[in-house]
Amino acid sequence: MYCFLTWKKIAVVFVFLTLVGVVFLWTIQPSHDRTWELGQEQLPTFQIYGDVLKVENYRNFIWTSELTADPIYESRQFNLAKLTDLDVFISHFDDFEGLAHIFLSFGFSGGERLVVSLESRREVGEDFSPLLGILRQYEIIYVVGSEEDIVGARTEYRGERVYRYPTVATPEQVRRLLLLLGEDINSVAAEPKFYNTLAHNCTNELTRRVEDMSSLSFPFTWKTLLPGYFDEVLYEMGLIQKSGSFADTKAARLIDNAAVDPRGGRFSQELRGALPAREEKGD
């Protein structure tokens, strides 16, 4: 029996439809003008005056559940001369270890913290999908704010497995990285850009800036493609403080969600073990 659709014709049709799909995707343009989900409404900006960093739209939400919060955007000033340290946070939001979110916390003498988190900016009712993240469906947003907000929402209400890794970066290196990220933060605020699960995500946008300011070169492996395993890369490169083997280090850096309270006023100190656990305080 004669077959009208030969394998050659099927291949031609497939290639044609693929090209049409690619062209369609490239006609989609990023925008700041959408109805954004809670916590992603405002874009932060940096202004530098000598040693003074002024942050607009510093997010300091008081979360009341996983999906509700008292929204607070602030104008904050930080003294760059007082930068002391840098922590890497890895927050696992799925049972699969490889799926996680990476963000940074910059420390200042006196206890102030400034968190920088690159995220997929989603519209109301839109869920994150790694596949859709490749198909120009999300914009990029840099969330800049407090640990009580950005870390606390994950430990208190989302029930995520969160790890805090102090780095070995010097204050000078910490300052340089923050200023480079400030350029990216202002760039996104000035012109919308697409998030991409593979090319422009929470991991490689940060590592590119580390490579820009140093002689480091991060390896291209499955551990760098899956953020949940990136802590092992940091360990192998000697970029985080070690507590014995990697397994021992990872176990020591897991945050006890029951022992920290983002509403208690001393959250950052609790994260770093400077205060007794919540139950020991009678909370």
C-alpha atoms as a PDB file:
ATOM      1  CA  MET A   1       0.000   0.000   0.000  1.00  0.00           C
ATOM      2  CA  TYR A   2       1.329   3.417  -0.924  1.00  0.00           C
ATOM      3  CA  CYS A   3       2.093   5.578   2.084  1.00  0.00           C
ATOM      4  CA  PHE A   4       1.434   9.230   1.439  1.00  0.00           C
ATOM      5  CA  LEU A   5       3.617  10.409   4.349  1.00  0.00           C
ATOM      6  CA  THR A   6       7.103   9.047   3.927  1.00  0.00           C
ATOM      7  CA  TRP A   7       9.684   9.348   6.698  1.00  0.00           C
ATOM      8  CA  LYS A   8      11.412  12.031   4.657  1.00  0.00           C
ATOM      9  CA  LYS A   9       8.232  14.114   4.484  1.00  0.00           C
ATOM     10  CA  ILE A  10       7.613  13.621   8.188  1.00  0.00           C
ATOM     11  CA  ALA A  11      11.120  14.871   8.923  1.00  0.00           C
ATOM     12  CA  VAL A  12      10.591  17.932   6.717  1.00  0.00           C
ATOM     13  CA  VAL A  13       7.296  18.729   8.468  1.00  0.00           C
ATOM     14  CA  PHE A  14       8.952  18.304  11.886  1.00  0.00           C
ATOM     15  CA  VAL A  15      11.822  20.626  10.987  1.00  0.00           C
ATOM     16  CA  PHE A  16       9.381  23.196   9.580  1.00  0.00           C
ATOM     17  CA  LEU A  17       7.203  23.149  12.708  1.00  0.00           C
ATOM     18  CA  THR A  18      10.283  23.403  14.909  1.00  0.00           C
ATOM     19  CA  LEU A  19      11.498  26.460  13.004  1.00  0.00           C
ATOM     20  CA  VAL A  20       8.051  28.047  13.249  1.00  0.00           C
ATOM     21  CA  GLY A  21       8.083  27.419  17.017  1.00  0.00           C
ATOM     22  CA  VAL A  22      11.548  28.951  17.408  1.00  0.00           C
ATOM     23  CA  VAL A  23      10.564  32.028  15.391  1.00  0.00           C
ATOM     24  CA  PHE A  24       7.403  32.404  17.480  1.00  0.00           C
ATOM     25  CA  LEU A  25       9.351  32.207  20.742  1.00  0.00           C
ATOM     26  CA  TRP A  26      11.767  34.880  19.577  1.00  0.00           C
ATOM     27  CA  THR A  27       8.868  37.223  18.835  1.00  0.00           C
ATOM     28  CA  ILE A  28       7.969  37.188  22.546  1.00  0.00           C
ATOM     29  CA  GLN A  29       9.495  40.188  24.272  1.00  0.00           C
ATOM     30  CA  PRO A  30      10.251  40.589  28.000  1.00  0.00           C
ATOM     31  CA  SER A  31       8.277  43.184  29.927  1.00  0.00           C
ATOM     32  CA  HIS A  32       8.093  44.856  33.316  1.00  0.00           C
ATOM     33  CA  ASP A  33       4.395  45.567  32.770  1.00  0.00           C
ATOM     34  CA  ARG A  34       2.593  42.477  34.027  1.00  0.00           C
ATOM     35  CA  THR A  35       0.548  41.541  37.092  1.00  0.00           C
ATOM     36  CA  TRP A  36       3.294  40.055  39.225  1.00  0.00           C
ATOM     37  CA  GLU A  37       2.920  37.628  42.089  1.00  0.00           C
ATOM     38  CA  LEU A  38       3.362  38.713  45.700  1.00  0.00           C
ATOM     39  CA  GLY A  39       6.951  39.656  46.462  1.00  0.00           C
ATOM     40  CA  GLN A  40       7.928  40.339  42.858  1.00  0.00           C
ATOM     41  CA  GLU A  41       6.051  43.585  42.235  1.00  0.00           C
ATOM     42  CA  GLN A  42       8.969  45.976  42.669  1.00  0.00           C
ATOM     43  CA  LEU A  43      12.448  45.974  41.135  1.00  0.00           C
ATOM     44  CA  PRO A  44      15.365  47.044  43.356  1.00  0.00           C
ATOM     45  CA  THR A  45      18.049  49.511  42.305  1.00  0.00           C
ATOM     46  CA  PHE A  46      21.503  50.417  43.640  1.00  0.00           C
ATOM     47  CA  GLN A  47      22.974  53.899  43.980  1.00  0.00           C
ATOM     48  CA  ILE A  48      26.608  54.273  45.064  1.00  0.00           C
ATOM     49  CA  TYR A  49      28.002  57.392  46.748  1.00  0.00           C
ATOM     50  CA  GLY A  50      31.584  56.623  47.752  1.00  0.00           C
ATOM     51  CA  ASP A  51      31.247  54.041  50.520  1.00  0.00           C
ATOM     52  CA  VAL A  52      27.503  54.515  50.787  1.00  0.00           C
ATOM     53  CA  LEU A  53      25.194  52.051  49.057  1.00  0.00           C
ATOM     54  CA  LYS A  54      21.574  53.152  48.792  1.00  0.00           C
ATOM     55  CA  VAL A  55      19.112  50.387  47.948  1.00  0.00           C
ATOM     56  CA  GLU A  56      15.640  51.244  46.716  1.00  0.00           C
ATOM     57  CA  ASN A  57      12.873  48.623  47.012  1.00  0.00           C
ATOM     58  CA  TYR A  58      14.724  46.646  49.663  1.00  0.00           C
ATOM     59  CA  ARG A  59      12.220  43.888  50.439  1.00  0.00           C
ATOM     60  CA  ASN A  60      11.443  43.298  54.098  1.00  0.00           C
ATOM     61  CA  PHE A  61       8.136  41.432  54.021  1.00  0.00           C
ATOM     62  CA  ILE A  62       6.558  39.957  57.135  1.00  0.00           C
ATOM     63  CA  TRP A  63       5.242  36.618  55.911  1.00  0.00           C
ATOM     64  CA  THR A  64       2.081  35.272  57.548  1.00  0.00           C
ATOM     65  CA  SER A  65       1.782  32.099  55.446  1.00  0.00           C
ATOM     66  CA  GLU A  66       3.365  30.579  52.354  1.00  0.00           C
ATOM     67  CA  LEU A  67       1.283  32.832  50.102  1.00  0.00           C
ATOM     68  CA  THR A  68       0.449  35.859  52.274  1.00  0.00           C
ATOM     69  CA  ALA A  69       2.539  38.638  53.752  1.00  0.00           C
ATOM     70  CA  ASP A  70       2.537  42.215  54.919  1.00  0.00           C
ATOM     71  CA  PRO A  71       4.359  43.790  51.947  1.00  0.00           C
ATOM     72  CA  ILE A  72       7.128  46.179  52.972  1.00  0.00           C
ATOM     73  CA  TYR A  73       9.509  47.778  50.458  1.00  0.00           C
ATOM     74  CA  GLU A  74      12.062  50.114  51.981  1.00  0.00           C
ATOM     75  CA  SER A  75      14.876  52.496  51.129  1.00  0.00           C
ATOM     76  CA  ARG A  76      18.013  51.312  52.955  1.00  0.00           C
ATOM     77  CA  GLN A  77      21.590  52.566  53.199  1.00  0.00           C
ATOM     78  CA  PHE A  78      24.672  50.418  53.821  1.00  0.00           C
ATOM     79  CA  ASN A  79      28.292  51.333  54.489  1.00  0.00           C
ATOM     80  CA  LEU A  80      30.415  49.394  52.000  1.00  0.00           C
ATOM     81  CA  ALA A  81      33.497  49.966  54.153  1.00  0.00           C
ATOM     82  CA  LYS A  82      31.856  47.764  56.793  1.00  0.00           C
ATOM     83  CA  LEU A  83      31.389  44.695  54.596  1.00  0.00           C
ATOM     84  CA  THR A  84      32.792  41.664  56.369  1.00  0.00           C
ATOM     85  CA  ASP A  85      31.611  38.372  54.888  1.00  0.00           C
ATOM     86  CA  LEU A  86      29.535  36.487  52.336  1.00  0.00           C
ATOM     87  CA  ASP A  87      27.280  33.459  52.773  1.00  0.00           C
ATOM     88  CA  VAL A  88      25.868  31.210  50.059  1.00  0.00           C
ATOM     89  CA  PHE A  89      22.378  29.828  50.710  1.00  0.00           C
ATOM     90  CA  ILE A  90      21.050  26.759  48.901  1.00  0.00           C
ATOM     91  CA  SER A  91      17.342  26.132  49.407  1.00  0.00           C
ATOM     92  CA  HIS A  92      15.860  22.811  48.259  1.00  0.00           C
ATOM     93  CA  PHE A  93      12.209  23.253  47.289  1.00  0.00           C
ATOM     94  CA  ASP A  94      11.669  19.735  45.920  1.00  0.00           C
ATOM     95  CA  ASP A  95      12.270  16.164  47.073  1.00  0.00           C
ATOM     96  CA  PHE A  96      14.703  15.784  44.184  1.00  0.00           C
ATOM     97  CA  GLU A  97      18.031  16.988  45.574  1.00  0.00           C
ATOM     98  CA  GLY A  98      19.094  18.669  42.329  1.00  0.00           C
ATOM     99  CA  LEU A  99      16.251  21.184  42.310  1.00  0.00           C
ATOM    100  CA  ALA A 100      17.169  24.126  44.503  1.00  0.00           C
ATOM    101  CA  HIS A 101      17.547  27.888  44.606  1.00  0.00           C
ATOM    102  CA  ILE A 102      20.868  29.629  45.270  1.00  0.00           C
ATOM    103  CA  PHE A 103      21.232  33.140  46.680  1.00  0.00           C
ATOM    104  CA  LEU A 104      23.764  35.263  48.564  1.00  0.00           C
ATOM    105  CA  SER A 105      23.815  37.113  51.872  1.00  0.00           C
ATOM    106  CA  PHE A 106      26.303  39.963  52.357  1.00  0.00           C
ATOM    107  CA  GLY A 107      27.316  40.723  55.938  1.00  0.00           C
ATOM    108  CA  PHE A 108      28.292  44.030  57.517  1.00  0.00           C
ATOM    109  CA  SER A 109      29.934  44.716  60.862  1.00  0.00           C
ATOM    110  CA  GLY A 110      27.202  45.383  63.380  1.00  0.00           C
ATOM    111  CA  GLY A 111      25.086  42.499  62.112  1.00  0.00           C
ATOM    112  CA  GLU A 112      23.352  44.004  59.085  1.00  0.00           C
ATOM    113  CA  ARG A 113      22.683  41.615  56.198  1.00  0.00           C
ATOM    114  CA  LEU A 114      21.782  42.251  52.572  1.00  0.00           C
ATOM    115  CA  VAL A 115      20.424  39.317  50.547  1.00  0.00           C
ATOM    116  CA  VAL A 116      20.643  39.194  46.737  1.00  0.00           C
ATOM    117  CA  SER A 117      18.506  36.584  45.011  1.00  0.00           C
ATOM    118  CA  LEU A 118      18.099  36.197  41.246  1.00  0.00           C
ATOM    119  CA  GLU A 119      14.706  34.629  40.539  1.00  0.00           C
ATOM    120  CA  SER A 120      12.264  33.886  37.754  1.00  0.00           C
ATOM    121  CA  ARG A 121       9.707  36.691  37.824  1.00  0.00           C
ATOM    122  CA  ARG A 122       6.262  35.144  37.598  1.00  0.00           C
ATOM    123  CA  GLU A 123       2.787  36.495  37.040  1.00  0.00           C
ATOM    124  CA  VAL A 124      -0.095  35.917  39.452  1.00  0.00           C
ATOM    125  CA  GLY A 125      -1.188  32.286  39.240  1.00  0.00           C
ATOM    126  CA  GLU A 126       1.938  31.220  37.358  1.00  0.00           C
ATOM    127  CA  ASP A 127       4.007  28.310  38.697  1.00  0.00           C
ATOM    128  CA  PHE A 128       7.684  27.758  38.016  1.00  0.00           C
ATOM    129  CA  SER A 129       8.580  25.059  35.501  1.00  0.00           C
ATOM    130  CA  PRO A 130      12.193  24.289  34.475  1.00  0.00           C
ATOM    131  CA  LEU A 131      10.919  23.517  30.958  1.00  0.00           C
ATOM    132  CA  LEU A 132       8.985  26.767  30.603  1.00  0.00           C
ATOM    133  CA  GLY A 133      12.051  28.512  31.952  1.00  0.00           C
ATOM    134  CA  ILE A 134      13.828  27.582  28.719  1.00  0.00           C
ATOM    135  CA  LEU A 135      10.974  28.870  26.543  1.00  0.00           C
ATOM    136  CA  ARG A 136      11.087  32.601  27.396  1.00  0.00           C
ATOM    137  CA  GLN A 137       8.121  32.413  29.767  1.00  0.00           C
ATOM    138  CA  TYR A 138       9.634  34.227  32.752  1.00  0.00           C
ATOM    139  CA  GLU A 139      11.498  37.468  33.200  1.00  0.00           C
ATOM    140  CA  ILE A 140      14.457  37.909  35.561  1.00  0.00           C
ATOM    141  CA  ILE A 141      14.084  39.695  38.863  1.00  0.00           C
ATOM    142  CA  TYR A 142      16.747  40.413  41.449  1.00  0.00           C
ATOM    143  CA  VAL A 143      15.165  40.375  44.895  1.00  0.00           C
ATOM    144  CA  VAL A 144      17.222  42.386  47.383  1.00  0.00           C
ATOM    145  CA  GLY A 145      16.151  42.318  50.992  1.00  0.00           C
ATOM    146  CA  SER A 146      16.433  40.951  54.496  1.00  0.00           C
ATOM    147  CA  GLU A 147      17.205  37.440  55.689  1.00  0.00           C
ATOM    148  CA  GLU A 148      14.039  37.540  57.789  1.00  0.00           C
ATOM    149  CA  ASP A 149      12.084  37.855  54.534  1.00  0.00           C
ATOM    150  CA  ILE A 150      13.987  35.883  51.912  1.00  0.00           C
ATOM    151  CA  VAL A 151      15.375  33.116  54.120  1.00  0.00           C
ATOM    152  CA  GLY A 152      12.586  33.153  56.687  1.00  0.00           C
ATOM    153  CA  ALA A 153       9.818  32.537  54.170  1.00  0.00           C
ATOM    154  CA  ARG A 154      11.608  29.330  53.162  1.00  0.00           C
ATOM    155  CA  THR A 155      12.382  28.041  56.644  1.00  0.00           C
ATOM    156  CA  GLU A 156       9.165  29.093  58.381  1.00  0.00           C
ATOM    157  CA  TYR A 157       6.375  28.638  55.842  1.00  0.00           C
ATOM    158  CA  ARG A 158       7.615  26.745  52.794  1.00  0.00           C
ATOM    159  CA  GLY A 159       9.336  24.012  54.753  1.00  0.00           C
ATOM    160  CA  GLU A 160      12.324  23.976  52.413  1.00  0.00           C
ATOM    161  CA  ARG A 161      15.657  22.369  53.281  1.00  0.00           C
ATOM    162  CA  VAL A 162      17.956  25.370  53.539  1.00  0.00           C
ATOM    163  CA  TYR A 163      21.738  25.262  53.849  1.00  0.00           C
ATOM    164  CA  ARG A 164      23.965  28.225  54.761  1.00  0.00           C
ATOM    165  CA  TYR A 165      27.588  28.062  53.618  1.00  0.00           C
ATOM    166  CA  PRO A 166      29.989  30.782  54.844  1.00  0.00           C
ATOM    167  CA  THR A 167      32.508  31.526  52.114  1.00  0.00           C
ATOM    168  CA  VAL A 168      36.225  32.248  52.392  1.00  0.00           C
ATOM    169  CA  ALA A 169      35.908  35.547  50.473  1.00  0.00           C
ATOM    170  CA  THR A 170      37.785  38.553  51.842  1.00  0.00           C
ATOM    171  CA  PRO A 171      35.951  41.836  52.552  1.00  0.00           C
ATOM    172  CA  GLU A 172      37.549  43.305  49.413  1.00  0.00           C
ATOM    173  CA  GLN A 173      36.271  40.420  47.283  1.00  0.00           C
ATOM    174  CA  VAL A 174      32.843  40.656  48.886  1.00  0.00           C
ATOM    175  CA  ARG A 175      32.639  44.350  48.045  1.00  0.00           C
ATOM    176  CA  ARG A 176      33.731  43.795  44.446  1.00  0.00           C
ATOM    177  CA  LEU A 177      31.125  41.099  43.919  1.00  0.00           C
ATOM    178  CA  LEU A 178      28.343  43.201  45.429  1.00  0.00           C
ATOM    179  CA  LEU A 179      29.194  46.130  43.157  1.00  0.00           C
ATOM    180  CA  LEU A 180      29.214  43.889  40.076  1.00  0.00           C
ATOM    181  CA  LEU A 181      25.854  42.444  41.041  1.00  0.00           C
ATOM    182  CA  GLY A 182      24.636  45.994  41.536  1.00  0.00           C
ATOM    183  CA  GLU A 183      25.369  46.651  37.873  1.00  0.00           C
ATOM    184  CA  ASP A 184      23.226  43.649  36.939  1.00  0.00           C
ATOM    185  CA  ILE A 185      20.456  44.706  39.301  1.00  0.00           C
ATOM    186  CA  ASN A 186      20.313  48.175  37.749  1.00  0.00           C
ATOM    187  CA  SER A 187      20.502  46.720  34.241  1.00  0.00           C
ATOM    188  CA  VAL A 188      17.450  44.524  34.825  1.00  0.00           C
ATOM    189  CA  ALA A 189      15.562  47.450  36.352  1.00  0.00           C
ATOM    190  CA  ALA A 190      16.340  49.566  33.293  1.00  0.00           C
ATOM    191  CA  GLU A 191      15.492  46.906  30.701  1.00  0.00           C
ATOM    192  CA  PRO A 192      13.578  43.628  31.202  1.00  0.00           C
ATOM    193  CA  LYS A 193      15.429  40.405  30.462  1.00  0.00           C
ATOM    194  CA  PHE A 194      14.302  36.814  30.137  1.00  0.00           C
ATOM    195  CA  TYR A 195      15.144  34.161  32.690  1.00  0.00           C
ATOM    196  CA  ASN A 196      16.528  30.937  31.229  1.00  0.00           C
ATOM    197  CA  THR A 197      16.749  27.688  33.177  1.00  0.00           C
ATOM    198  CA  LEU A 198      20.021  26.749  31.473  1.00  0.00           C
ATOM    199  CA  ALA A 199      21.716  29.987  30.439  1.00  0.00           C
ATOM    200  CA  HIS A 200      20.503  32.730  32.791  1.00  0.00           C
ATOM    201  CA  ASN A 201      19.580  31.277  36.155  1.00  0.00           C
ATOM    202  CA  CYS A 202      20.243  31.733  39.854  1.00  0.00           C
ATOM    203  CA  THR A 203      23.569  29.925  39.624  1.00  0.00           C
ATOM    204  CA  ASN A 204      25.382  30.916  36.452  1.00  0.00           C
ATOM    205  CA  GLU A 205      24.499  34.607  36.627  1.00  0.00           C
ATOM    206  CA  LEU A 206      26.313  34.704  39.977  1.00  0.00           C
ATOM    207  CA  THR A 207      29.252  32.516  38.954  1.00  0.00           C
ATOM    208  CA  ARG A 208      29.871  34.648  35.864  1.00  0.00           C
ATOM    209  CA  ARG A 209      30.403  37.646  38.107  1.00  0.00           C
ATOM    210  CA  VAL A 210      32.794  35.679  40.323  1.00  0.00           C
ATOM    211  CA  GLU A 211      34.746  34.700  37.210  1.00  0.00           C
ATOM    212  CA  ASP A 212      34.737  38.343  36.034  1.00  0.00           C
ATOM    213  CA  MET A 213      36.433  39.505  39.225  1.00  0.00           C
ATOM    214  CA  SER A 214      38.902  36.642  39.663  1.00  0.00           C
ATOM    215  CA  SER A 215      40.927  33.937  37.943  1.00  0.00           C
ATOM    216  CA  LEU A 216      38.392  31.284  38.943  1.00  0.00           C
ATOM    217  CA  SER A 217      36.687  29.145  36.324  1.00  0.00           C
ATOM    218  CA  PHE A 218      33.719  27.051  37.370  1.00  0.00           C
ATOM    219  CA  PRO A 219      33.565  23.578  35.810  1.00  0.00           C
ATOM    220  CA  PHE A 220      30.761  22.706  33.407  1.00  0.00           C
ATOM    221  CA  THR A 221      29.328  19.520  34.904  1.00  0.00           C
ATOM    222  CA  TRP A 222      25.962  18.127  35.919  1.00  0.00           C
ATOM    223  CA  LYS A 223      26.647  19.533  39.396  1.00  0.00           C
ATOM    224  CA  THR A 224      26.672  23.066  38.004  1.00  0.00           C
ATOM    225  CA  LEU A 225      23.534  22.471  35.916  1.00  0.00           C
ATOM    226  CA  LEU A 226      21.600  21.253  38.963  1.00  0.00           C
ATOM    227  CA  PRO A 227      21.819  23.943  41.681  1.00  0.00           C
ATOM    228  CA  GLY A 228      21.057  21.463  44.436  1.00  0.00           C
ATOM    229  CA  TYR A 229      24.473  19.862  43.930  1.00  0.00           C
ATOM    230  CA  PHE A 230      26.411  23.091  43.537  1.00  0.00           C
ATOM    231  CA  ASP A 231      27.542  23.100  47.160  1.00  0.00           C
ATOM    232  CA  GLU A 232      29.824  20.169  46.343  1.00  0.00           C
ATOM    233  CA  VAL A 233      31.415  22.252  43.569  1.00  0.00           C
ATOM    234  CA  LEU A 234      32.000  25.105  46.025  1.00  0.00           C
ATOM    235  CA  TYR A 235      33.518  22.643  48.488  1.00  0.00           C
ATOM    236  CA  GLU A 236      35.832  21.074  45.896  1.00  0.00           C
ATOM    237  CA  MET A 237      36.980  24.529  44.749  1.00  0.00           C
ATOM    238  CA  GLY A 238      37.738  25.581  48.325  1.00  0.00           C
ATOM    239  CA  LEU A 239      35.315  28.513  48.225  1.00  0.00           C
ATOM    240  CA  ILE A 240      33.362  27.673  51.377  1.00  0.00           C
ATOM    241  CA  GLN A 241      34.480  27.016  54.925  1.00  0.00           C
ATOM    242  CA  LYS A 242      34.921  23.293  55.538  1.00  0.00           C
ATOM    243  CA  SER A 243      33.964  21.147  58.495  1.00  0.00           C
ATOM    244  CA  GLY A 244      35.752  17.936  57.581  1.00  0.00           C
ATOM    245  CA  SER A 245      34.466  15.960  54.602  1.00  0.00           C
ATOM    246  CA  PHE A 246      31.850  17.339  52.256  1.00  0.00           C
ATOM    247  CA  ALA A 247      29.187  15.143  53.862  1.00  0.00           C
ATOM    248  CA  ASP A 248      30.148  16.469  57.299  1.00  0.00           C
ATOM    249  CA  THR A 249      30.189  20.054  56.021  1.00  0.00           C
ATOM    250  CA  LYS A 250      26.767  19.709  54.404  1.00  0.00           C
ATOM    251  CA  ALA A 251      25.267  18.142  57.517  1.00  0.00           C
ATOM    252  CA  ALA A 252      26.666  20.948  59.681  1.00  0.00           C
ATOM    253  CA  ARG A 253      25.216  23.645  57.441  1.00  0.00           C
ATOM    254  CA  LEU A 254      21.594  22.483  57.350  1.00  0.00           C
ATOM    255  CA  ILE A 255      19.382  25.062  59.067  1.00  0.00           C
ATOM    256  CA  ASP A 256      17.093  23.673  61.748  1.00  0.00           C
ATOM    257  CA  ASN A 257      13.796  25.266  60.695  1.00  0.00           C
ATOM    258  CA  ALA A 258      12.304  24.667  64.140  1.00  0.00           C
ATOM    259  CA  ALA A 259      15.118  26.540  65.860  1.00  0.00           C
ATOM    260  CA  VAL A 260      14.952  29.860  64.013  1.00  0.00           C
ATOM    261  CA  ASP A 261      12.189  32.449  64.121  1.00  0.00           C
ATOM    262  CA  PRO A 262      12.088  35.161  61.404  1.00  0.00           C
ATOM    263  CA  ARG A 263       9.668  37.161  63.540  1.00  0.00           C
ATOM    264  CA  GLY A 264      11.783  37.224  66.687  1.00  0.00           C
ATOM    265  CA  GLY A 265      14.051  40.141  65.770  1.00  0.00           C
ATOM    266  CA  ARG A 266      17.265  38.089  66.010  1.00  0.00           C
ATOM    267  CA  PHE A 267      16.889  35.801  63.033  1.00  0.00           C
ATOM    268  CA  SER A 268      20.310  36.390  61.481  1.00  0.00           C
ATOM    269  CA  GLN A 269      22.029  35.671  64.798  1.00  0.00           C
ATOM    270  CA  GLU A 270      19.982  32.493  65.253  1.00  0.00           C
ATOM    271  CA  LEU A 271      20.948  31.320  61.760  1.00  0.00           C
ATOM    272  CA  ARG A 272      24.594  31.594  62.789  1.00  0.00           C
ATOM    273  CA  GLY A 273      24.193  29.826  66.104  1.00  0.00           C
ATOM    274  CA  ALA A 274      24.791  32.918  68.216  1.00  0.00           C
ATOM    275  CA  LEU A 275      21.590  32.398  70.190  1.00  0.00           C
ATOM    276  CA  PRO A 276      19.887  29.346  71.724  1.00  0.00           C
ATOM    277  CA  ALA A 277      17.205  27.534  69.784  1.00  0.00           C
ATOM    278  CA  ARG A 278      13.648  28.862  69.844  1.00  0.00           C
ATOM    279  CA  GLU A 279      12.365  26.188  72.209  1.00  0.00           C
ATOM    280  CA  GLU A 280      15.175  26.997  74.677  1.00  0.00           C
ATOM    281  CA  LYS A 281      14.044  30.627  74.750  1.00  0.00           C
ATOM    282  CA  GLY A 282      10.535  29.606  75.733  1.00  0.00           C
ATOM    283  CA  ASP A 283       8.989  30.788  72.443  1.00  0.00           C
END
